[in-house]
Amino acid sequence: PDVLALLRRNAALNDAVIAYHPGDVADPEALVASLGTADVV
């Protein structure tokens, strides 16, 4: 639950844009629903 706050800090430090969604590999259906699919995982 605390990853989002740290990732926001680190993205800001590097002028990077990263979209974040909480998720767990135990629920791949929910992961795909929130993240979609990608060219590189």
Full PDB file with SEQRES, HELIX, SHEET, SSBOND, CRYST1, ORIGX, SCALE, CONECT and MASTER records, all heavy atoms in Angstrom:
SEQRES   1 A   41  PRO ASP VAL LEU ALA LEU LEU ARG ARG ASN ALA ALA LEU          
SEQRES   2 A   41  ASN ASP ALA VAL ILE ALA TYR HIS PRO GLY ASP VAL ALA          
SEQRES   3 A   41  ASP PRO GLU ALA LEU VAL ALA SER LEU GLY THR ALA ASP          
SEQRES   4 A   41  VAL VAL                                                      
HELIX    1 AA1 VAL A    3  LEU A   13  1                                  11    
HELIX    2 AA2 PRO A   28  LEU A   35  1                                   8    
CRYST1    1.000    1.000    1.000  90.00  90.00  90.00 P 1           1          
ORIGX1      1.000000  0.000000  0.000000        0.00000                         
ORIGX2      0.000000  1.000000  0.000000        0.00000                         
ORIGX3      0.000000  0.000000  1.000000        0.00000                         
SCALE1      1.000000  0.000000  0.000000        0.00000                         
SCALE2      0.000000  1.000000  0.000000        0.00000                         
SCALE3      0.000000  0.000000  1.000000        0.00000                         
ATOM      1  N   PRO A   1       0.791  -1.241   0.000  1.00  0.00           N  
ATOM      2  CA  PRO A   1       0.000   0.000   0.000  1.00  0.00           C  
ATOM      3  C   PRO A   1       0.819   1.285   0.000  1.00  0.00           C  
ATOM      4  O   PRO A   1       0.274   2.362  -0.278  1.00  0.00           O  
ATOM      5  CB  PRO A   1      -0.833  -0.114   1.282  1.00  0.00           C  
ATOM      6  CG  PRO A   1      -0.058  -1.038   2.170  1.00  0.00           C  
ATOM      7  CD  PRO A   1       0.583  -2.027   1.242  1.00  0.00           C  
ATOM      8  N   ASP A   2       2.113   1.216   0.304  1.00  0.00           N  
ATOM      9  CA  ASP A   2       2.914   2.435   0.406  1.00  0.00           C  
ATOM     10  C   ASP A   2       3.769   2.720  -0.822  1.00  0.00           C  
ATOM     11  O   ASP A   2       4.537   3.688  -0.849  1.00  0.00           O  
ATOM     12  CB  ASP A   2       3.803   2.374   1.656  1.00  0.00           C  
ATOM     13  CG  ASP A   2       2.987   2.333   2.937  1.00  0.00           C  
ATOM     14  OD1 ASP A   2       1.850   2.859   2.927  1.00  0.00           O  
ATOM     15  OD2 ASP A   2       3.458   1.762   3.929  1.00  0.00           O  
ATOM     16  N   VAL A   3       3.642   1.891  -1.847  1.00  0.00           N  
ATOM     17  CA  VAL A   3       4.467   2.077  -3.045  1.00  0.00           C  
ATOM     18  C   VAL A   3       4.109   3.356  -3.787  1.00  0.00           C  
ATOM     19  O   VAL A   3       4.984   4.077  -4.273  1.00  0.00           O  
ATOM     20  CB  VAL A   3       4.344   0.852  -3.969  1.00  0.00           C  
ATOM     21  CG1 VAL A   3       4.891   1.166  -5.363  1.00  0.00           C  
ATOM     22  CG2 VAL A   3       5.099  -0.330  -3.370  1.00  0.00           C  
ATOM     23  N   LEU A   4       2.820   3.659  -3.909  1.00  0.00           N  
ATOM     24  CA  LEU A   4       2.404   4.809  -4.715  1.00  0.00           C  
ATOM     25  C   LEU A   4       3.089   6.094  -4.265  1.00  0.00           C  
ATOM     26  O   LEU A   4       3.606   6.853  -5.099  1.00  0.00           O  
ATOM     27  CB  LEU A   4       0.884   4.974  -4.662  1.00  0.00           C  
ATOM     28  CG  LEU A   4       0.327   6.217  -5.370  1.00  0.00           C  
ATOM     29  CD1 LEU A   4       0.724   6.245  -6.832  1.00  0.00           C  
ATOM     30  CD2 LEU A   4      -1.182   6.285  -5.212  1.00  0.00           C  
ATOM     31  N   ALA A   5       3.110   6.358  -2.971  1.00  0.00           N  
ATOM     32  CA  ALA A   5       3.698   7.610  -2.483  1.00  0.00           C  
ATOM     33  C   ALA A   5       5.188   7.689  -2.810  1.00  0.00           C  
ATOM     34  O   ALA A   5       5.698   8.754  -3.190  1.00  0.00           O  
ATOM     35  CB  ALA A   5       3.478   7.734  -0.979  1.00  0.00           C  
ATOM     36  N   LEU A   6       5.891   6.559  -2.686  1.00  0.00           N  
ATOM     37  CA  LEU A   6       7.324   6.564  -2.980  1.00  0.00           C  
ATOM     38  C   LEU A   6       7.569   6.680  -4.479  1.00  0.00           C  
ATOM     39  O   LEU A   6       8.479   7.401  -4.915  1.00  0.00           O  
ATOM     40  CB  LEU A   6       7.974   5.292  -2.429  1.00  0.00           C  
ATOM     41  CG  LEU A   6       9.494   5.215  -2.532  1.00  0.00           C  
ATOM     42  CD1 LEU A   6      10.166   6.403  -1.853  1.00  0.00           C  
ATOM     43  CD2 LEU A   6      10.011   3.911  -1.926  1.00  0.00           C  
ATOM     44  N   LEU A   7       6.771   5.996  -5.286  1.00  0.00           N  
ATOM     45  CA  LEU A   7       6.955   6.065  -6.731  1.00  0.00           C  
ATOM     46  C   LEU A   7       6.682   7.479  -7.245  1.00  0.00           C  
ATOM     47  O   LEU A   7       7.376   7.967  -8.150  1.00  0.00           O  
ATOM     48  CB  LEU A   7       6.037   5.057  -7.421  1.00  0.00           C  
ATOM     49  CG  LEU A   7       6.272   4.880  -8.915  1.00  0.00           C  
ATOM     50  CD1 LEU A   7       7.670   4.339  -9.195  1.00  0.00           C  
ATOM     51  CD2 LEU A   7       5.217   3.949  -9.514  1.00  0.00           C  
ATOM     52  N   ARG A   8       5.693   8.151  -6.673  1.00  0.00           N  
ATOM     53  CA  ARG A   8       5.428   9.539  -7.067  1.00  0.00           C  
ATOM     54  C   ARG A   8       6.635  10.433  -6.798  1.00  0.00           C  
ATOM     55  O   ARG A   8       6.998  11.276  -7.620  1.00  0.00           O  
ATOM     56  CB  ARG A   8       4.206  10.075  -6.321  1.00  0.00           C  
ATOM     57  CG  ARG A   8       2.880   9.649  -6.906  1.00  0.00           C  
ATOM     58  CD  ARG A   8       1.730  10.183  -6.080  1.00  0.00           C  
ATOM     59  NE  ARG A   8       0.447   9.934  -6.715  1.00  0.00           N  
ATOM     60  CZ  ARG A   8      -0.708  10.048  -6.088  1.00  0.00           C  
ATOM     61  NH1 ARG A   8      -0.748  10.388  -4.791  1.00  0.00           N  
ATOM     62  NH2 ARG A   8      -1.838   9.817  -6.726  1.00  0.00           N  
ATOM     63  N   ARG A   9       7.245  10.256  -5.639  1.00  0.00           N  
ATOM     64  CA  ARG A   9       8.439  11.039  -5.307  1.00  0.00           C  
ATOM     65  C   ARG A   9       9.537  10.792  -6.341  1.00  0.00           C  
ATOM     66  O   ARG A   9      10.166  11.734  -6.828  1.00  0.00           O  
ATOM     67  CB  ARG A   9       8.978  10.643  -3.926  1.00  0.00           C  
ATOM     68  CG  ARG A   9       8.144  11.016  -2.744  1.00  0.00           C  
ATOM     69  CD  ARG A   9       8.842  10.578  -1.462  1.00  0.00           C  
ATOM     70  NE  ARG A   9      10.047  11.350  -1.242  1.00  0.00           N  
ATOM     71  CZ  ARG A   9      10.138  12.407  -0.436  1.00  0.00           C  
ATOM     72  NH1 ARG A   9       9.069  12.805   0.229  1.00  0.00           N  
ATOM     73  NH2 ARG A   9      11.276  13.059  -0.300  1.00  0.00           N  
ATOM     74  N   ASN A  10       9.770   9.523  -6.636  1.00  0.00           N  
ATOM     75  CA  ASN A  10      10.881   9.180  -7.523  1.00  0.00           C  
ATOM     76  C   ASN A  10      10.609   9.592  -8.965  1.00  0.00           C  
ATOM     77  O   ASN A  10      11.529   9.985  -9.688  1.00  0.00           O  
ATOM     78  CB  ASN A  10      11.194   7.694  -7.402  1.00  0.00           C  
ATOM     79  CG  ASN A  10      11.861   7.364  -6.083  1.00  0.00           C  
ATOM     80  OD1 ASN A  10      12.525   8.207  -5.491  1.00  0.00           O  
ATOM     81  ND2 ASN A  10      11.672   6.143  -5.608  1.00  0.00           N  
ATOM     82  N   ALA A  11       9.367   9.514  -9.387  1.00  0.00           N  
ATOM     83  CA  ALA A  11       9.031   9.992 -10.725  1.00  0.00           C  
ATOM     84  C   ALA A  11       9.262  11.498 -10.830  1.00  0.00           C  
ATOM     85  O   ALA A  11       9.825  11.988 -11.815  1.00  0.00           O  
ATOM     86  CB  ALA A  11       7.587   9.639 -11.064  1.00  0.00           C  
ATOM     87  N   ALA A  12       8.861  12.235  -9.803  1.00  0.00           N  
ATOM     88  CA  ALA A  12       9.062  13.687  -9.813  1.00  0.00           C  
ATOM     89  C   ALA A  12      10.546  14.035  -9.819  1.00  0.00           C  
ATOM     90  O   ALA A  12      10.966  14.989 -10.490  1.00  0.00           O  
ATOM     91  CB  ALA A  12       8.370  14.315  -8.604  1.00  0.00           C  
ATOM     92  N   LEU A  13      11.363  13.288  -9.082  1.00  0.00           N  
ATOM     93  CA  LEU A  13      12.802  13.544  -9.041  1.00  0.00           C  
ATOM     94  C   LEU A  13      13.438  13.413 -10.417  1.00  0.00           C  
ATOM     95  O   LEU A  13      14.456  14.056 -10.703  1.00  0.00           O  
ATOM     96  CB  LEU A  13      13.486  12.547  -8.093  1.00  0.00           C  
ATOM     97  CG  LEU A  13      13.502  12.859  -6.607  1.00  0.00           C  
ATOM     98  CD1 LEU A  13      14.079  11.682  -5.841  1.00  0.00           C  
ATOM     99  CD2 LEU A  13      14.306  14.121  -6.341  1.00  0.00           C  
ATOM    100  N   ASN A  14      12.848  12.584 -11.278  1.00  0.00           N  
ATOM    101  CA  ASN A  14      13.445  12.276 -12.575  1.00  0.00           C  
ATOM    102  C   ASN A  14      12.643  12.821 -13.747  1.00  0.00           C  
ATOM    103  O   ASN A  14      12.897  12.440 -14.894  1.00  0.00           O  
ATOM    104  CB  ASN A  14      13.607  10.757 -12.703  1.00  0.00           C  
ATOM    105  CG  ASN A  14      14.626  10.210 -11.724  1.00  0.00           C  
ATOM    106  OD1 ASN A  14      15.817  10.252 -11.978  1.00  0.00           O  
ATOM    107  ND2 ASN A  14      14.153   9.709 -10.587  1.00  0.00           N  
ATOM    108  N   ASP A  15      11.694  13.720 -13.457  1.00  0.00           N  
ATOM    109  CA  ASP A  15      10.843  14.275 -14.521  1.00  0.00           C  
ATOM    110  C   ASP A  15      10.268  13.161 -15.396  1.00  0.00           C  
ATOM    111  O   ASP A  15      10.241  13.265 -16.625  1.00  0.00           O  
ATOM    112  CB  ASP A  15      11.628  15.267 -15.391  1.00  0.00           C  
ATOM    113  CG  ASP A  15      12.054  16.507 -14.612  1.00  0.00           C  
ATOM    114  OD1 ASP A  15      11.239  16.993 -13.809  1.00  0.00           O  
ATOM    115  OD2 ASP A  15      13.187  16.966 -14.803  1.00  0.00           O  
ATOM    116  N   ALA A  16       9.828  12.102 -14.748  1.00  0.00           N  
ATOM    117  CA  ALA A  16       9.285  10.948 -15.453  1.00  0.00           C  
ATOM    118  C   ALA A  16       7.783  10.835 -15.210  1.00  0.00           C  
ATOM    119  O   ALA A  16       7.286  11.217 -14.142  1.00  0.00           O  
ATOM    120  CB  ALA A  16       9.986   9.671 -14.990  1.00  0.00           C  
ATOM    121  N   VAL A  17       7.084  10.315 -16.192  1.00  0.00           N  
ATOM    122  CA  VAL A  17       5.646  10.083 -16.062  1.00  0.00           C  
ATOM    123  C   VAL A  17       5.413   8.579 -16.000  1.00  0.00           C  
ATOM    124  O   VAL A  17       5.762   7.846 -16.929  1.00  0.00           O  
ATOM    125  CB  VAL A  17       4.875  10.687 -17.251  1.00  0.00           C  
ATOM    126  CG1 VAL A  17       3.386  10.355 -17.142  1.00  0.00           C  
ATOM    127  CG2 VAL A  17       5.089  12.195 -17.321  1.00  0.00           C  
ATOM    128  N   ILE A  18       4.850   8.124 -14.884  1.00  0.00           N  
ATOM    129  CA  ILE A  18       4.545   6.707 -14.700  1.00  0.00           C  
ATOM    130  C   ILE A  18       3.118   6.599 -14.153  1.00  0.00           C  
ATOM    131  O   ILE A  18       2.805   7.212 -13.125  1.00  0.00           O  
ATOM    132  CB  ILE A  18       5.522   6.031 -13.718  1.00  0.00           C  
ATOM    133  CG1 ILE A  18       6.952   6.083 -14.271  1.00  0.00           C  
ATOM    134  CG2 ILE A  18       5.109   4.583 -13.451  1.00  0.00           C  
ATOM    135  CD1 ILE A  18       8.005   5.556 -13.311  1.00  0.00           C  
ATOM    136  N   ALA A  19       2.275   5.870 -14.832  1.00  0.00           N  
ATOM    137  CA  ALA A  19       0.919   5.622 -14.345  1.00  0.00           C  
ATOM    138  C   ALA A  19       0.966   4.425 -13.398  1.00  0.00           C  
ATOM    139  O   ALA A  19       1.543   3.388 -13.734  1.00  0.00           O  
ATOM    140  CB  ALA A  19      -0.018   5.342 -15.515  1.00  0.00           C  
ATOM    141  N   TYR A  20       0.365   4.576 -12.228  1.00  0.00           N  
ATOM    142  CA  TYR A  20       0.441   3.512 -11.220  1.00  0.00           C  
ATOM    143  C   TYR A  20      -0.949   2.973 -10.905  1.00  0.00           C  
ATOM    144  O   TYR A  20      -1.922   3.733 -10.791  1.00  0.00           O  
ATOM    145  CB  TYR A  20       1.075   4.038  -9.943  1.00  0.00           C  
ATOM    146  CG  TYR A  20       1.143   2.992  -8.839  1.00  0.00           C  
ATOM    147  CD1 TYR A  20       2.160   2.054  -8.824  1.00  0.00           C  
ATOM    148  CD2 TYR A  20       0.166   2.932  -7.846  1.00  0.00           C  
ATOM    149  CE1 TYR A  20       2.220   1.076  -7.842  1.00  0.00           C  
ATOM    150  CE2 TYR A  20       0.213   1.957  -6.867  1.00  0.00           C  
ATOM    151  CZ  TYR A  20       1.244   1.031  -6.870  1.00  0.00           C  
ATOM    152  OH  TYR A  20       1.291   0.060  -5.895  1.00  0.00           O  
ATOM    153  N   HIS A  21      -1.024   1.648 -10.748  1.00  0.00           N  
ATOM    154  CA  HIS A  21      -2.246   0.992 -10.296  1.00  0.00           C  
ATOM    155  C   HIS A  21      -1.847  -0.080  -9.280  1.00  0.00           C  
ATOM    156  O   HIS A  21      -0.954  -0.880  -9.562  1.00  0.00           O  
ATOM    157  CB  HIS A  21      -2.988   0.319 -11.453  1.00  0.00           C  
ATOM    158  CG  HIS A  21      -3.446   1.263 -12.510  1.00  0.00           C  
ATOM    159  ND1 HIS A  21      -4.668   1.890 -12.472  1.00  0.00           N  
ATOM    160  CD2 HIS A  21      -2.842   1.704 -13.631  1.00  0.00           C  
ATOM    161  CE1 HIS A  21      -4.796   2.674 -13.523  1.00  0.00           C  
ATOM    162  NE2 HIS A  21      -3.700   2.580 -14.246  1.00  0.00           N  
ATOM    163  N   PRO A  22      -2.485  -0.110  -8.110  1.00  0.00           N  
ATOM    164  CA  PRO A  22      -2.193  -1.209  -7.189  1.00  0.00           C  
ATOM    165  C   PRO A  22      -2.633  -2.524  -7.805  1.00  0.00           C  
ATOM    166  O   PRO A  22      -3.649  -2.580  -8.512  1.00  0.00           O  
ATOM    167  CB  PRO A  22      -3.022  -0.868  -5.944  1.00  0.00           C  
ATOM    168  CG  PRO A  22      -4.090   0.041  -6.442  1.00  0.00           C  
ATOM    169  CD  PRO A  22      -3.518   0.796  -7.592  1.00  0.00           C  
ATOM    170  N   GLY A  23      -1.850  -3.568  -7.575  1.00  0.00           N  
ATOM    171  CA  GLY A  23      -2.226  -4.850  -8.159  1.00  0.00           C  
ATOM    172  C   GLY A  23      -1.317  -5.957  -7.699  1.00  0.00           C  
ATOM    173  O   GLY A  23      -0.206  -5.718  -7.233  1.00  0.00           O  
ATOM    174  N   ASP A  24      -1.798  -7.188  -7.834  1.00  0.00           N  
ATOM    175  CA  ASP A  24      -1.098  -8.368  -7.343  1.00  0.00           C  
ATOM    176  C   ASP A  24      -1.162  -9.450  -8.411  1.00  0.00           C  
ATOM    177  O   ASP A  24      -2.205  -9.645  -9.048  1.00  0.00           O  
ATOM    178  CB  ASP A  24      -1.783  -8.851  -6.059  1.00  0.00           C  
ATOM    179  CG  ASP A  24      -0.947  -9.829  -5.264  1.00  0.00           C  
ATOM    180  OD1 ASP A  24      -0.290 -10.694  -5.893  1.00  0.00           O  
ATOM    181  OD2 ASP A  24      -0.951  -9.747  -4.031  1.00  0.00           O  
ATOM    182  N   VAL A  25      -0.042 -10.168  -8.598  1.00  0.00           N  
ATOM    183  CA  VAL A  25      -0.034 -11.252  -9.594  1.00  0.00           C  
ATOM    184  C   VAL A  25      -0.997 -12.371  -9.226  1.00  0.00           C  
ATOM    185  O   VAL A  25      -1.335 -13.193 -10.078  1.00  0.00           O  
ATOM    186  CB  VAL A  25       1.383 -11.835  -9.787  1.00  0.00           C  
ATOM    187  CG1 VAL A  25       2.322 -10.802 -10.378  1.00  0.00           C  
ATOM    188  CG2 VAL A  25       1.936 -12.398  -8.486  1.00  0.00           C  
ATOM    189  N   ALA A  26      -1.445 -12.407  -7.983  1.00  0.00           N  
ATOM    190  CA  ALA A  26      -2.408 -13.426  -7.583  1.00  0.00           C  
ATOM    191  C   ALA A  26      -3.753 -13.237  -8.280  1.00  0.00           C  
ATOM    192  O   ALA A  26      -4.572 -14.156  -8.316  1.00  0.00           O  
ATOM    193  CB  ALA A  26      -2.612 -13.415  -6.073  1.00  0.00           C  
ATOM    194  N   ASP A  27      -3.993 -12.055  -8.841  1.00  0.00           N  
ATOM    195  CA  ASP A  27      -5.257 -11.765  -9.519  1.00  0.00           C  
ATOM    196  C   ASP A  27      -4.973 -11.183 -10.902  1.00  0.00           C  
ATOM    197  O   ASP A  27      -5.112  -9.981 -11.131  1.00  0.00           O  
ATOM    198  CB  ASP A  27      -6.090 -10.786  -8.687  1.00  0.00           C  
ATOM    199  CG  ASP A  27      -7.522 -10.650  -9.193  1.00  0.00           C  
ATOM    200  OD1 ASP A  27      -7.821 -11.187 -10.282  1.00  0.00           O  
ATOM    201  OD2 ASP A  27      -8.330 -10.012  -8.503  1.00  0.00           O  
ATOM    202  N   PRO A  28      -4.543 -12.029 -11.859  1.00  0.00           N  
ATOM    203  CA  PRO A  28      -4.180 -11.518 -13.190  1.00  0.00           C  
ATOM    204  C   PRO A  28      -5.327 -10.848 -13.922  1.00  0.00           C  
ATOM    205  O   PRO A  28      -5.112  -9.919 -14.693  1.00  0.00           O  
ATOM    206  CB  PRO A  28      -3.678 -12.761 -13.930  1.00  0.00           C  
ATOM    207  CG  PRO A  28      -4.198 -13.920 -13.165  1.00  0.00           C  
ATOM    208  CD  PRO A  28      -4.318 -13.472 -11.747  1.00  0.00           C  
ATOM    209  N   GLU A  29      -6.553 -11.301 -13.678  1.00  0.00           N  
ATOM    210  CA  GLU A  29      -7.699 -10.666 -14.342  1.00  0.00           C  
ATOM    211  C   GLU A  29      -7.810  -9.207 -13.925  1.00  0.00           C  
ATOM    212  O   GLU A  29      -8.042  -8.323 -14.764  1.00  0.00           O  
ATOM    213  CB  GLU A  29      -8.990 -11.420 -13.987  1.00  0.00           C  
ATOM    214  CG  GLU A  29      -9.023 -12.863 -14.436  1.00  0.00           C  
ATOM    215  CD  GLU A  29      -9.012 -12.989 -15.949  1.00  0.00           C  
ATOM    216  OE1 GLU A  29      -9.490 -12.060 -16.626  1.00  0.00           O  
ATOM    217  OE2 GLU A  29      -8.509 -14.013 -16.449  1.00  0.00           O  
ATOM    218  N   ALA A  30      -7.657  -8.935 -12.626  1.00  0.00           N  
ATOM    219  CA  ALA A  30      -7.729  -7.560 -12.147  1.00  0.00           C  
ATOM    220  C   ALA A  30      -6.557  -6.736 -12.672  1.00  0.00           C  
ATOM    221  O   ALA A  30      -6.711  -5.549 -12.982  1.00  0.00           O  
ATOM    222  CB  ALA A  30      -7.742  -7.539 -10.615  1.00  0.00           C  
ATOM    223  N   LEU A  31      -5.377  -7.359 -12.787  1.00  0.00           N  
ATOM    224  CA  LEU A  31      -4.217  -6.646 -13.327  1.00  0.00           C  
ATOM    225  C   LEU A  31      -4.478  -6.194 -14.758  1.00  0.00           C  
ATOM    226  O   LEU A  31      -4.223  -5.036 -15.112  1.00  0.00           O  
ATOM    227  CB  LEU A  31      -2.981  -7.544 -13.300  1.00  0.00           C  
ATOM    228  CG  LEU A  31      -2.153  -7.640 -12.032  1.00  0.00           C  
ATOM    229  CD1 LEU A  31      -0.912  -8.485 -12.286  1.00  0.00           C  
ATOM    230  CD2 LEU A  31      -1.762  -6.266 -11.518  1.00  0.00           C  
ATOM    231  N   VAL A  32      -4.971  -7.092 -15.585  1.00  0.00           N  
ATOM    232  CA  VAL A  32      -5.225  -6.752 -16.980  1.00  0.00           C  
ATOM    233  C   VAL A  32      -6.332  -5.706 -17.078  1.00  0.00           C  
ATOM    234  O   VAL A  32      -6.268  -4.786 -17.902  1.00  0.00           O  
ATOM    235  CB  VAL A  32      -5.591  -8.014 -17.794  1.00  0.00           C  
ATOM    236  CG1 VAL A  32      -6.016  -7.649 -19.211  1.00  0.00           C  
ATOM    237  CG2 VAL A  32      -4.405  -8.967 -17.835  1.00  0.00           C  
ATOM    238  N   ALA A  33      -7.327  -5.812 -16.207  1.00  0.00           N  
ATOM    239  CA  ALA A  33      -8.422  -4.837 -16.231  1.00  0.00           C  
ATOM    240  C   ALA A  33      -7.925  -3.433 -15.912  1.00  0.00           C  
ATOM    241  O   ALA A  33      -8.405  -2.449 -16.493  1.00  0.00           O  
ATOM    242  CB  ALA A  33      -9.504  -5.251 -15.239  1.00  0.00           C  
ATOM    243  N   SER A  34      -6.966  -3.316 -14.992  1.00  0.00           N  
ATOM    244  CA  SER A  34      -6.484  -1.985 -14.596  1.00  0.00           C  
ATOM    245  C   SER A  34      -5.324  -1.489 -15.443  1.00  0.00           C  
ATOM    246  O   SER A  34      -5.189  -0.286 -15.675  1.00  0.00           O  
ATOM    247  CB  SER A  34      -6.076  -1.986 -13.118  1.00  0.00           C  
ATOM    248  OG  SER A  34      -5.030  -2.907 -12.870  1.00  0.00           O  
ATOM    249  N   LEU A  35      -4.480  -2.407 -15.924  1.00  0.00           N  
ATOM    250  CA  LEU A  35      -3.275  -2.010 -16.646  1.00  0.00           C  
ATOM    251  C   LEU A  35      -3.380  -2.175 -18.153  1.00  0.00           C  
ATOM    252  O   LEU A  35      -2.643  -1.526 -18.900  1.00  0.00           O  
ATOM    253  CB  LEU A  35      -2.081  -2.839 -16.156  1.00  0.00           C  
ATOM    254  CG  LEU A  35      -1.670  -2.666 -14.695  1.00  0.00           C  
ATOM    255  CD1 LEU A  35      -0.659  -3.736 -14.306  1.00  0.00           C  
ATOM    256  CD2 LEU A  35      -1.087  -1.289 -14.445  1.00  0.00           C  
ATOM    257  N   GLY A  36      -4.250  -3.059 -18.612  1.00  0.00           N  
ATOM    258  CA  GLY A  36      -4.263  -3.395 -20.024  1.00  0.00           C  
ATOM    259  C   GLY A  36      -3.091  -4.307 -20.353  1.00  0.00           C  
ATOM    260  O   GLY A  36      -2.593  -5.037 -19.496  1.00  0.00           O  
ATOM    261  N   THR A  37      -2.637  -4.267 -21.597  1.00  0.00           N  
ATOM    262  CA  THR A  37      -1.498  -5.093 -22.009  1.00  0.00           C  
ATOM    263  C   THR A  37      -0.382  -4.183 -22.508  1.00  0.00           C  
ATOM    264  O   THR A  37      -0.584  -2.994 -22.739  1.00  0.00           O  
ATOM    265  CB  THR A  37      -1.904  -6.080 -23.108  1.00  0.00           C  
ATOM    266  OG1 THR A  37      -2.440  -5.344 -24.222  1.00  0.00           O  
ATOM    267  CG2 THR A  37      -2.943  -7.065 -22.592  1.00  0.00           C  
ATOM    268  N   ALA A  38       0.806  -4.764 -22.679  1.00  0.00           N  
ATOM    269  CA  ALA A  38       1.969  -3.947 -23.025  1.00  0.00           C  
ATOM    270  C   ALA A  38       2.864  -4.666 -24.019  1.00  0.00           C  
ATOM    271  O   ALA A  38       2.828  -5.894 -24.158  1.00  0.00           O  
ATOM    272  CB  ALA A  38       2.762  -3.600 -21.764  1.00  0.00           C  
ATOM    273  N   ASP A  39       3.699  -3.864 -24.686  1.00  0.00           N  
ATOM    274  CA  ASP A  39       4.707  -4.413 -25.598  1.00  0.00           C  
ATOM    275  C   ASP A  39       5.839  -5.083 -24.826  1.00  0.00           C  
ATOM    276  O   ASP A  39       6.430  -6.058 -25.291  1.00  0.00           O  
ATOM    277  CB  ASP A  39       5.302  -3.297 -26.458  1.00  0.00           C  
ATOM    278  CG  ASP A  39       4.244  -2.522 -27.211  1.00  0.00           C  
ATOM    279  OD1 ASP A  39       3.535  -3.146 -28.017  1.00  0.00           O  
ATOM    280  OD2 ASP A  39       4.116  -1.308 -26.975  1.00  0.00           O  
ATOM    281  N   VAL A  40       6.153  -4.511 -23.648  1.00  0.00           N  
ATOM    282  CA  VAL A  40       7.233  -5.037 -22.814  1.00  0.00           C  
ATOM    283  C   VAL A  40       6.734  -5.119 -21.381  1.00  0.00           C  
ATOM    284  O   VAL A  40       6.223  -4.132 -20.839  1.00  0.00           O  
ATOM    285  CB  VAL A  40       8.499  -4.151 -22.874  1.00  0.00           C  
ATOM    286  CG1 VAL A  40       9.619  -4.753 -22.023  1.00  0.00           C  
ATOM    287  CG2 VAL A  40       8.960  -3.944 -24.315  1.00  0.00           C  
ATOM    288  N   VAL A  41       6.873  -6.281 -20.755  1.00  0.00           N  
ATOM    289  CA  VAL A  41       6.475  -6.480 -19.359  1.00  0.00           C  
ATOM    290  C   VAL A  41       7.731  -6.791 -18.558  1.00  0.00           C  
ATOM    291  O   VAL A  41       8.503  -7.690 -18.905  1.00  0.00           O  
ATOM    292  CB  VAL A  41       5.450  -7.633 -19.223  1.00  0.00           C  
ATOM    293  CG1 VAL A  41       5.051  -7.816 -17.769  1.00  0.00           C  
ATOM    294  CG2 VAL A  41       4.215  -7.340 -20.082  1.00  0.00           C  
TER     295      VAL A  41                                                      
MASTER        0    0    0    2    0    0    0    6  294    1    0    4          
END                                                                             
